[in-house]
C-alpha cells in the first residue's frame, strides 16, 4: 500500500477552539448516555437496549466506510476500496461478537410485551447496508400472515423508510459491492468464474480486494445465522412462536440464507488473514 500523506485539517467550524475540547464533550458523552431509555424496571432491558445501540453505532460507521469503499471501486482505486472494506469487516466482527451477549438474557419476558412491535426487522441502517452490498429487497412481505396482511412492524417501517429504501435500491443497483464484483469478474475475459478469479488474483491489489469481498460475505451470513439462533433461544424462553415484529421468525430469518446467500457466487470464502 502506498504511503498516505496525512496533514492536519482545520476544524469544520472555524470558530471552534480546540483547547476547549475534552473527552466528555468531544465524544458527546452526556447525549450518548441518555440515549438508553428502558420502559420497564427489568434489570435485563438496559442491556438489551445497549447491545442494539452498539450494533446501530457500528452499522452507522459501516455505512460511511462502505460508501467510501464503493467510491474507490467506482474510481478503479482498489487499494482505497480495500482500506475501507477492511474497516467495515472489522466492524462486522464487532457486531457478530456483540449480539451473542444477549444469548444469556434471563428476563426477556419481563419487558417483551412492553416494547410493542419493536423488532430488528425495522433496522433501517441494516437494510441500507444490505442494499449497498447488492442484496435485493427479500424482506418485503416477511411479516405477512395467512391472509397476506403484514404486521404493523413492517407497515410502519415502510411508512417511515419506504421512500428511502426505494432510493437506495436505485442508487446502489450499479454502485454496490455485488455489482463491482461481477464487473471485475466479467471483465476478466473468461467464461468460467474459477478461471476469471485465478487471472484476477494474479494482481496483488485485486487479490486483496477479493479477500475482503469474501470476508464481507462470510460476516453478513454469520450475522443472519446468529440472529436466528438468538431469536430462537429468546423466544423459547417466553414460550412463543412469533417474533416481536409478528414474523414466523424462523421462516423469515432463514430467508436470506436460502434465497440470497452467497452474495458473491463463485467467490471462495478464503481465510481470515485479510482481516488482521
Protein backbone atom coordinates (compact mmCIF):
# COMPACT_ATOMS: atom_id res chain seq x y z
CA UNK A 1 0.00 0.00 0.00
CA UNK A 2 1.39 3.38 -0.99
CA UNK A 3 2.09 5.84 1.87
CA UNK A 4 -0.75 8.21 2.72
CA UNK A 5 0.36 11.80 3.14
CA UNK A 6 -1.79 12.87 6.11
CA UNK A 7 -1.76 16.55 7.02
CA UNK A 8 -3.61 18.43 9.80
CA UNK A 9 -7.05 19.61 8.77
CA UNK A 10 -8.79 22.72 10.11
CA UNK A 11 -11.96 22.31 12.22
CA UNK A 12 -15.23 22.30 10.27
CA UNK A 13 -16.33 25.18 12.47
CA UNK A 14 -13.74 27.96 12.05
CA UNK A 15 -14.85 29.47 15.37
CA UNK A 16 -14.17 26.27 17.31
CA UNK A 17 -11.35 26.42 19.86
CA UNK A 18 -9.56 23.02 20.05
CA UNK A 19 -8.31 23.84 23.55
CA UNK A 20 -11.93 23.69 24.72
CA UNK A 21 -12.31 20.07 23.68
CA UNK A 22 -12.32 17.42 26.39
CA UNK A 23 -13.02 13.70 26.23
CA UNK A 24 -16.59 14.06 27.52
CA UNK A 25 -17.50 16.92 25.20
CA UNK A 26 -15.68 15.67 22.09
CA UNK A 27 -17.45 12.29 22.31
CA UNK A 28 -20.77 13.87 23.38
CA UNK A 29 -20.98 11.51 26.35
CA UNK A 30 -23.85 13.31 28.06
CA UNK A 31 -26.05 12.95 24.99
CA UNK A 32 -24.85 9.42 24.27
CA UNK A 33 -25.53 8.09 27.75
CA UNK A 34 -29.05 9.50 27.84
CA UNK A 35 -29.99 7.58 24.69
CA UNK A 36 -30.70 4.40 26.66
CA UNK A 37 -34.28 4.68 27.98
CA UNK A 38 -35.72 1.38 29.32
CA UNK A 39 -39.53 1.30 29.53
CA UNK A 40 -39.70 -1.18 32.44
CA UNK A 41 -37.74 -1.82 35.65
CA UNK A 42 -36.26 -5.05 34.26
CA UNK A 43 -32.55 -5.41 35.02
CA UNK A 44 -32.10 -7.06 31.62
CA UNK A 45 -33.78 -4.41 29.48
CA UNK A 46 -30.93 -1.89 29.74
CA UNK A 47 -28.53 -4.50 28.34
CA UNK A 48 -31.00 -5.36 25.57
CA UNK A 49 -31.07 -1.70 24.51
CA UNK A 50 -27.31 -1.20 24.89
CA UNK A 51 -26.40 -4.17 22.68
CA UNK A 52 -28.70 -2.99 19.90
CA UNK A 53 -27.39 0.57 20.17
CA UNK A 54 -23.79 -0.67 19.95
CA UNK A 55 -24.72 -2.53 16.77
CA UNK A 56 -26.51 0.50 15.34
CA UNK A 57 -23.46 2.71 16.02
CA UNK A 58 -21.34 0.10 14.22
CA UNK A 59 -23.82 -0.01 11.31
CA UNK A 60 -23.63 3.79 11.02
CA UNK A 61 -19.84 3.72 10.67
CA UNK A 62 -20.03 0.74 8.33
CA UNK A 63 -22.35 2.71 6.03
CA UNK A 64 -19.91 5.62 5.93
CA UNK A 65 -16.92 3.38 5.22
CA UNK A 66 -18.75 1.15 2.74
CA UNK A 67 -19.73 4.26 0.77
CA UNK A 68 -16.05 5.25 0.70
CA UNK A 69 -15.10 1.75 -0.46
CA UNK A 70 -17.71 1.88 -3.22
CA UNK A 71 -16.40 5.26 -4.36
CA UNK A 72 -12.92 3.72 -4.50
CA UNK A 73 -14.26 0.87 -6.66
CA UNK A 74 -16.04 3.34 -8.95
CA UNK A 75 -12.72 5.15 -9.42
CA UNK A 76 -10.88 1.84 -10.01
CA UNK A 77 -8.78 2.57 -6.91
CA UNK A 78 -8.63 -0.92 -5.45
CA UNK A 79 -6.20 -0.03 -2.68
CA UNK A 80 -8.59 2.65 -1.43
CA UNK A 81 -11.50 0.20 -1.57
CA UNK A 82 -9.53 -2.42 0.37
CA UNK A 83 -8.59 0.11 3.05
CA UNK A 84 -12.22 0.91 3.83
CA UNK A 85 -13.53 -2.62 3.33
CA UNK A 86 -11.06 -3.82 5.94
CA UNK A 87 -12.60 -1.35 8.40
CA UNK A 88 -16.11 -2.48 7.51
CA UNK A 89 -15.17 -6.12 8.02
CA UNK A 90 -13.62 -5.40 11.41
CA UNK A 91 -16.87 -3.72 12.42
CA UNK A 92 -18.79 -6.76 11.18
CA UNK A 93 -16.67 -8.83 13.53
CA UNK A 94 -17.52 -6.43 16.36
CA UNK A 95 -21.25 -6.75 15.65
CA UNK A 96 -21.01 -10.53 15.42
CA UNK A 97 -19.20 -10.64 18.75
CA UNK A 98 -21.63 -8.21 20.41
CA UNK A 99 -25.04 -9.67 19.56
CA UNK A 100 -24.41 -13.07 21.24
CA UNK A 101 -24.10 -11.26 24.59
CA UNK A 102 -27.91 -11.30 24.60
CA UNK A 103 -27.88 -15.11 24.49
CA UNK A 104 -27.63 -15.23 28.29
CA UNK A 105 -30.54 -12.86 28.86
CA UNK A 106 -32.78 -14.47 31.50
CA UNK A 107 -35.61 -11.95 31.79
CA UNK A 108 -36.75 -11.17 28.24
CA UNK A 109 -40.30 -11.93 29.34
CA UNK A 110 -40.21 -9.01 31.79
CA UNK A 111 -40.17 -6.38 29.06
CA UNK A 112 -41.09 -8.12 25.79
CA UNK A 113 -44.76 -7.08 25.84
CA UNK A 114 -43.89 -3.50 26.83
CA UNK A 115 -41.73 -2.81 23.76
CA UNK A 116 -44.65 -3.43 21.37
CA UNK A 117 -43.82 -4.25 17.73
CA UNK A 118 -40.19 -3.12 18.13
CA UNK A 119 -38.15 -5.53 16.00
CA UNK A 120 -34.78 -5.94 14.38
CA UNK A 121 -36.82 -6.11 11.17
CA UNK A 122 -37.09 -2.31 11.48
CA UNK A 123 -33.35 -1.54 11.48
CA UNK A 124 -33.16 0.84 8.51
CA UNK A 125 -29.37 1.05 8.80
CA UNK A 126 -29.03 -2.72 8.44
CA UNK A 127 -31.36 -2.58 5.43
CA UNK A 128 -29.19 0.11 3.87
CA UNK A 129 -26.06 -1.98 4.40
CA UNK A 130 -27.73 -4.94 2.71
CA UNK A 131 -28.79 -2.82 -0.26
CA UNK A 132 -25.30 -1.30 -0.53
CA UNK A 133 -23.97 -4.86 -0.63
CA UNK A 134 -26.24 -5.71 -3.54
CA UNK A 135 -28.90 -7.62 -1.61
CA UNK A 136 -32.44 -7.46 -3.12
CA UNK A 137 -35.48 -6.49 -1.01
CA UNK A 138 -36.04 -10.09 0.16
CA UNK A 139 -37.66 -8.97 3.42
CA UNK A 140 -40.69 -7.37 1.76
CA UNK A 141 -43.85 -9.10 3.00
CA UNK A 142 -41.80 -11.03 5.53
CA UNK A 143 -44.36 -10.44 8.28
CA UNK A 144 -47.44 -11.32 6.23
CA UNK A 145 -49.99 -13.59 7.90
CA UNK A 146 -52.06 -16.33 6.24
CA UNK A 147 -54.39 -13.69 4.79
CA UNK A 148 -51.46 -11.72 3.34
CA UNK A 149 -51.71 -8.78 5.76
CA UNK A 150 -48.35 -7.52 7.01
CA UNK A 151 -47.67 -6.84 10.67
CA UNK A 152 -47.62 -3.26 11.95
CA UNK A 153 -43.85 -3.56 12.42
CA UNK A 154 -43.46 -3.84 8.65
CA UNK A 155 -46.20 -1.41 7.64
CA UNK A 156 -44.80 1.29 9.95
CA UNK A 157 -41.27 0.62 8.66
CA UNK A 158 -42.49 1.06 5.08
CA UNK A 159 -44.35 4.22 6.03
CA UNK A 160 -41.25 5.75 7.62
CA UNK A 161 -38.47 4.42 5.37
CA UNK A 162 -40.12 3.05 2.21
CA UNK A 163 -39.18 6.03 0.03
CA UNK A 164 -35.55 5.90 1.23
CA UNK A 165 -35.38 2.16 0.56
CA UNK A 166 -36.61 2.75 -3.00
CA UNK A 167 -33.97 5.46 -3.48
CA UNK A 168 -31.23 3.19 -2.11
CA UNK A 169 -32.23 0.32 -4.40
CA UNK A 170 -31.88 2.64 -7.40
CA UNK A 171 -28.67 4.31 -6.20
CA UNK A 172 -26.80 1.09 -5.45
CA UNK A 173 -28.12 -1.00 -8.34
CA UNK A 174 -24.93 -0.11 -10.25
CA UNK A 175 -22.92 1.09 -7.26
CA UNK A 176 -22.98 -1.85 -4.82
CA UNK A 177 -20.45 -4.49 -3.82
CA UNK A 178 -22.08 -7.26 -5.84
CA UNK A 179 -22.16 -5.02 -8.93
CA UNK A 180 -18.45 -4.24 -8.76
CA UNK A 181 -17.56 -7.86 -8.01
CA UNK A 182 -19.48 -9.02 -11.11
CA UNK A 183 -17.94 -6.21 -13.15
CA UNK A 184 -14.43 -7.33 -12.25
CA UNK A 185 -15.16 -11.00 -12.98
CA UNK A 186 -16.93 -10.25 -16.27
CA UNK A 187 -14.04 -8.03 -17.31
CA UNK A 188 -11.52 -10.85 -16.89
CA UNK A 189 -12.49 -12.29 -20.28
CA UNK A 190 -13.13 -15.87 -19.16
CA UNK A 191 -16.40 -17.80 -19.38
CA UNK A 192 -15.54 -19.85 -16.29
CA UNK A 193 -15.68 -17.94 -12.99
CA UNK A 194 -12.86 -20.02 -11.49
CA UNK A 195 -10.57 -19.16 -14.40
CA UNK A 196 -11.54 -15.49 -14.22
CA UNK A 197 -10.77 -15.34 -10.49
CA UNK A 198 -7.42 -17.07 -10.99
CA UNK A 199 -6.46 -14.44 -13.56
CA UNK A 200 -7.61 -11.55 -11.42
CA UNK A 201 -5.84 -12.79 -8.31
CA UNK A 202 -2.51 -12.59 -10.09
CA UNK A 203 -2.70 -8.89 -9.32
CA UNK A 204 -1.92 -8.28 -5.64
CA UNK A 205 -4.37 -5.41 -5.17
CA UNK A 206 -7.21 -7.34 -6.82
CA UNK A 207 -6.46 -10.46 -4.77
CA UNK A 208 -6.66 -8.37 -1.60
CA UNK A 209 -9.96 -6.91 -2.77
CA UNK A 210 -11.50 -10.34 -3.39
CA UNK A 211 -10.34 -11.45 0.05
CA UNK A 212 -12.29 -8.55 1.57
CA UNK A 213 -15.35 -9.34 -0.59
CA UNK A 214 -15.28 -12.91 0.68
CA UNK A 215 -14.86 -11.80 4.28
CA UNK A 216 -17.81 -9.42 3.93
CA UNK A 217 -19.98 -12.20 2.53
CA UNK A 218 -18.99 -14.51 5.36
CA UNK A 219 -19.63 -11.95 8.11
CA UNK A 220 -23.01 -10.90 6.74
CA UNK A 221 -24.17 -14.52 6.56
CA UNK A 222 -22.83 -15.15 10.08
CA UNK A 223 -24.92 -12.25 11.36
CA UNK A 224 -28.10 -13.67 9.81
CA UNK A 225 -27.48 -17.13 11.25
CA UNK A 226 -26.58 -15.77 14.69
CA UNK A 227 -29.76 -13.65 14.68
CA UNK A 228 -31.81 -16.79 14.05
CA UNK A 229 -30.09 -18.65 16.90
CA UNK A 230 -30.56 -15.72 19.26
CA UNK A 231 -34.23 -15.26 18.37
CA UNK A 232 -34.88 -18.99 18.78
CA UNK A 233 -33.35 -19.01 22.24
CA UNK A 234 -35.05 -15.85 23.47
CA UNK A 235 -38.49 -16.77 22.18
CA UNK A 236 -38.25 -20.27 23.60
CA UNK A 237 -37.72 -18.63 26.98
CA UNK A 238 -41.04 -16.78 26.69
CA UNK A 239 -42.84 -19.71 25.05
CA UNK A 240 -43.91 -18.08 21.78
CA UNK A 241 -43.51 -18.88 18.10
CA UNK A 242 -43.57 -15.37 16.61
CA UNK A 243 -41.06 -12.54 16.86
CA UNK A 244 -41.85 -9.11 18.25
CA UNK A 245 -42.34 -7.97 14.67
CA UNK A 246 -45.08 -10.56 14.18
CA UNK A 247 -42.96 -12.78 11.91
CA UNK A 248 -42.86 -16.52 11.78
CA UNK A 249 -39.30 -15.74 12.72
CA UNK A 250 -37.70 -19.00 11.61
CA UNK A 251 -39.06 -18.69 8.06
CA UNK A 252 -38.18 -15.01 7.83
CA UNK A 253 -34.69 -15.24 9.38
CA UNK A 254 -33.78 -18.23 7.21
CA UNK A 255 -34.89 -16.48 4.02
CA UNK A 256 -31.60 -14.65 3.42
CA UNK A 257 -29.61 -17.86 3.80
CA UNK A 258 -31.96 -19.76 1.49
CA UNK A 259 -32.67 -17.20 -1.23
CA UNK A 260 -29.79 -14.70 -1.30
CA UNK A 261 -26.54 -16.15 0.06
CA UNK A 262 -23.87 -16.30 -1.13
CA UNK A 263 -23.69 -12.66 -2.11
CA UNK A 264 -20.74 -13.28 -4.45
CA UNK A 265 -21.39 -16.66 -6.17
CA UNK A 266 -18.24 -18.50 -7.15
CA UNK A 267 -16.03 -16.47 -4.86
CA UNK A 268 -14.16 -18.66 -2.40
CA UNK A 269 -14.51 -17.62 1.25
CA UNK A 270 -10.73 -17.85 1.59
CA UNK A 271 -9.21 -17.24 5.01
CA UNK A 272 -9.39 -14.58 7.69
CA UNK A 273 -5.85 -13.43 7.05
CA UNK A 274 -7.01 -10.33 5.19
CA UNK A 275 -8.95 -9.21 8.27
CA UNK A 276 -5.98 -8.92 10.60
